[in-house]
Amino acid sequence: MEVVRANGLEIAYERVGEGPPLVFVHGAAEDGRVWQPQLAALADEFTVVAWDEPGAGR
């Protein structure tokens, strides 16, 4: 899990794999962990990123 800081916010995200990018955005009352099965399944062909919206998750 990595964290980027911008404009006073910290946003946690996970990035795995190599290839064309895919970005997953979670819904309300969830965090980026909801996408773990998809990250694992797609990492062989894509750079997959799942992030936590501010105020959610980690």
C-alpha atoms as a PDB file:
ATOM      1  CA  MET A   1       0.000   0.000   0.000  1.00  0.00           C
ATOM      2  CA  GLU A   2       1.369   3.357  -1.007  1.00  0.00           C
ATOM      3  CA  VAL A   3       0.228   6.831   0.018  1.00  0.00           C
ATOM      4  CA  VAL A   4       0.253  10.017  -2.020  1.00  0.00           C
ATOM      5  CA  ARG A   5      -0.138  13.400  -0.332  1.00  0.00           C
ATOM      6  CA  ALA A   6      -1.689  16.313  -2.203  1.00  0.00           C
ATOM      7  CA  ASN A   7      -3.564  19.437  -1.129  1.00  0.00           C
ATOM      8  CA  GLY A   8      -3.556  18.337   2.504  1.00  0.00           C
ATOM      9  CA  LEU A   9      -5.033  14.908   1.753  1.00  0.00           C
ATOM     10  CA  GLU A  10      -3.478  11.473   2.062  1.00  0.00           C
ATOM     11  CA  ILE A  11      -4.753   8.932  -0.442  1.00  0.00           C
ATOM     12  CA  ALA A  12      -3.816   5.279  -0.035  1.00  0.00           C
ATOM     13  CA  TYR A  13      -3.601   3.133  -3.138  1.00  0.00           C
ATOM     14  CA  GLU A  14      -2.339  -0.195  -4.353  1.00  0.00           C
ATOM     15  CA  ARG A  15      -0.679  -0.631  -7.741  1.00  0.00           C
ATOM     16  CA  VAL A  16       0.198  -4.031  -9.177  1.00  0.00           C
ATOM     17  CA  GLY A  17       1.131  -5.515 -12.529  1.00  0.00           C
ATOM     18  CA  GLU A  18       2.442  -4.127 -15.788  1.00  0.00           C
ATOM     19  CA  GLY A  19       0.695  -3.135 -18.975  1.00  0.00           C
ATOM     20  CA  PRO A  20      -2.090  -0.725 -19.890  1.00  0.00           C
ATOM     21  CA  PRO A  21      -3.582   0.947 -16.819  1.00  0.00           C
ATOM     22  CA  LEU A  22      -6.883   0.016 -15.176  1.00  0.00           C
ATOM     23  CA  VAL A  23      -8.126   2.132 -12.263  1.00  0.00           C
ATOM     24  CA  PHE A  24     -10.773   0.801  -9.883  1.00  0.00           C
ATOM     25  CA  VAL A  25     -12.926   3.187  -7.829  1.00  0.00           C
ATOM     26  CA  HIS A  26     -14.935   1.817  -4.902  1.00  0.00           C
ATOM     27  CA  GLY A  27     -18.462   2.779  -3.911  1.00  0.00           C
ATOM     28  CA  ALA A  28     -19.793   4.313  -0.720  1.00  0.00           C
ATOM     29  CA  ALA A  29     -19.029   2.507   2.547  1.00  0.00           C
ATOM     30  CA  GLU A  30     -16.195   0.522   0.900  1.00  0.00           C
ATOM     31  CA  ASP A  31     -12.493   0.941   0.283  1.00  0.00           C
ATOM     32  CA  GLY A  32      -9.981  -0.240  -2.293  1.00  0.00           C
ATOM     33  CA  ARG A  33      -9.725  -3.678  -0.689  1.00  0.00           C
ATOM     34  CA  VAL A  34     -13.017  -4.604  -2.351  1.00  0.00           C
ATOM     35  CA  TRP A  35     -11.033  -4.941  -5.605  1.00  0.00           C
ATOM     36  CA  GLN A  36      -8.381  -7.413  -4.346  1.00  0.00           C
ATOM     37  CA  PRO A  37      -9.668 -10.381  -6.421  1.00  0.00           C
ATOM     38  CA  GLN A  38      -9.692  -8.276  -9.585  1.00  0.00           C
ATOM     39  CA  LEU A  39      -6.201  -6.913  -8.930  1.00  0.00           C
ATOM     40  CA  ALA A  40      -4.839 -10.432  -8.598  1.00  0.00           C
ATOM     41  CA  ALA A  41      -6.654 -11.682 -11.696  1.00  0.00           C
ATOM     42  CA  LEU A  42      -5.658  -8.785 -13.972  1.00  0.00           C
ATOM     43  CA  ALA A  43      -2.095  -7.996 -12.840  1.00  0.00           C
ATOM     44  CA  ASP A  44      -0.526 -10.277 -15.470  1.00  0.00           C
ATOM     45  CA  GLU A  45      -1.867  -8.118 -18.305  1.00  0.00           C
ATOM     46  CA  PHE A  46      -2.467  -4.657 -16.812  1.00  0.00           C
ATOM     47  CA  THR A  47      -1.159  -2.105 -14.354  1.00  0.00           C
ATOM     48  CA  VAL A  48      -4.047  -2.176 -11.908  1.00  0.00           C
ATOM     49  CA  VAL A  49      -4.654   0.602  -9.373  1.00  0.00           C
ATOM     50  CA  ALA A  50      -7.222   0.586  -6.566  1.00  0.00           C
ATOM     51  CA  TRP A  51      -7.385   3.657  -4.349  1.00  0.00           C
ATOM     52  CA  ASP A  52      -9.228   4.716  -1.215  1.00  0.00           C
ATOM     53  CA  GLU A  53     -11.315   7.835  -1.589  1.00  0.00           C
ATOM     54  CA  PRO A  54     -10.541  10.452   1.088  1.00  0.00           C
ATOM     55  CA  GLY A  55     -12.278   9.506   4.326  1.00  0.00           C
ATOM     56  CA  ALA A  56     -12.597   5.838   3.363  1.00  0.00           C
ATOM     57  CA  GLY A  57     -10.348   2.883   4.057  1.00  0.00           C
ATOM     58  CA  ARG A  58      -6.747   3.277   5.093  1.00  0.00           C
END
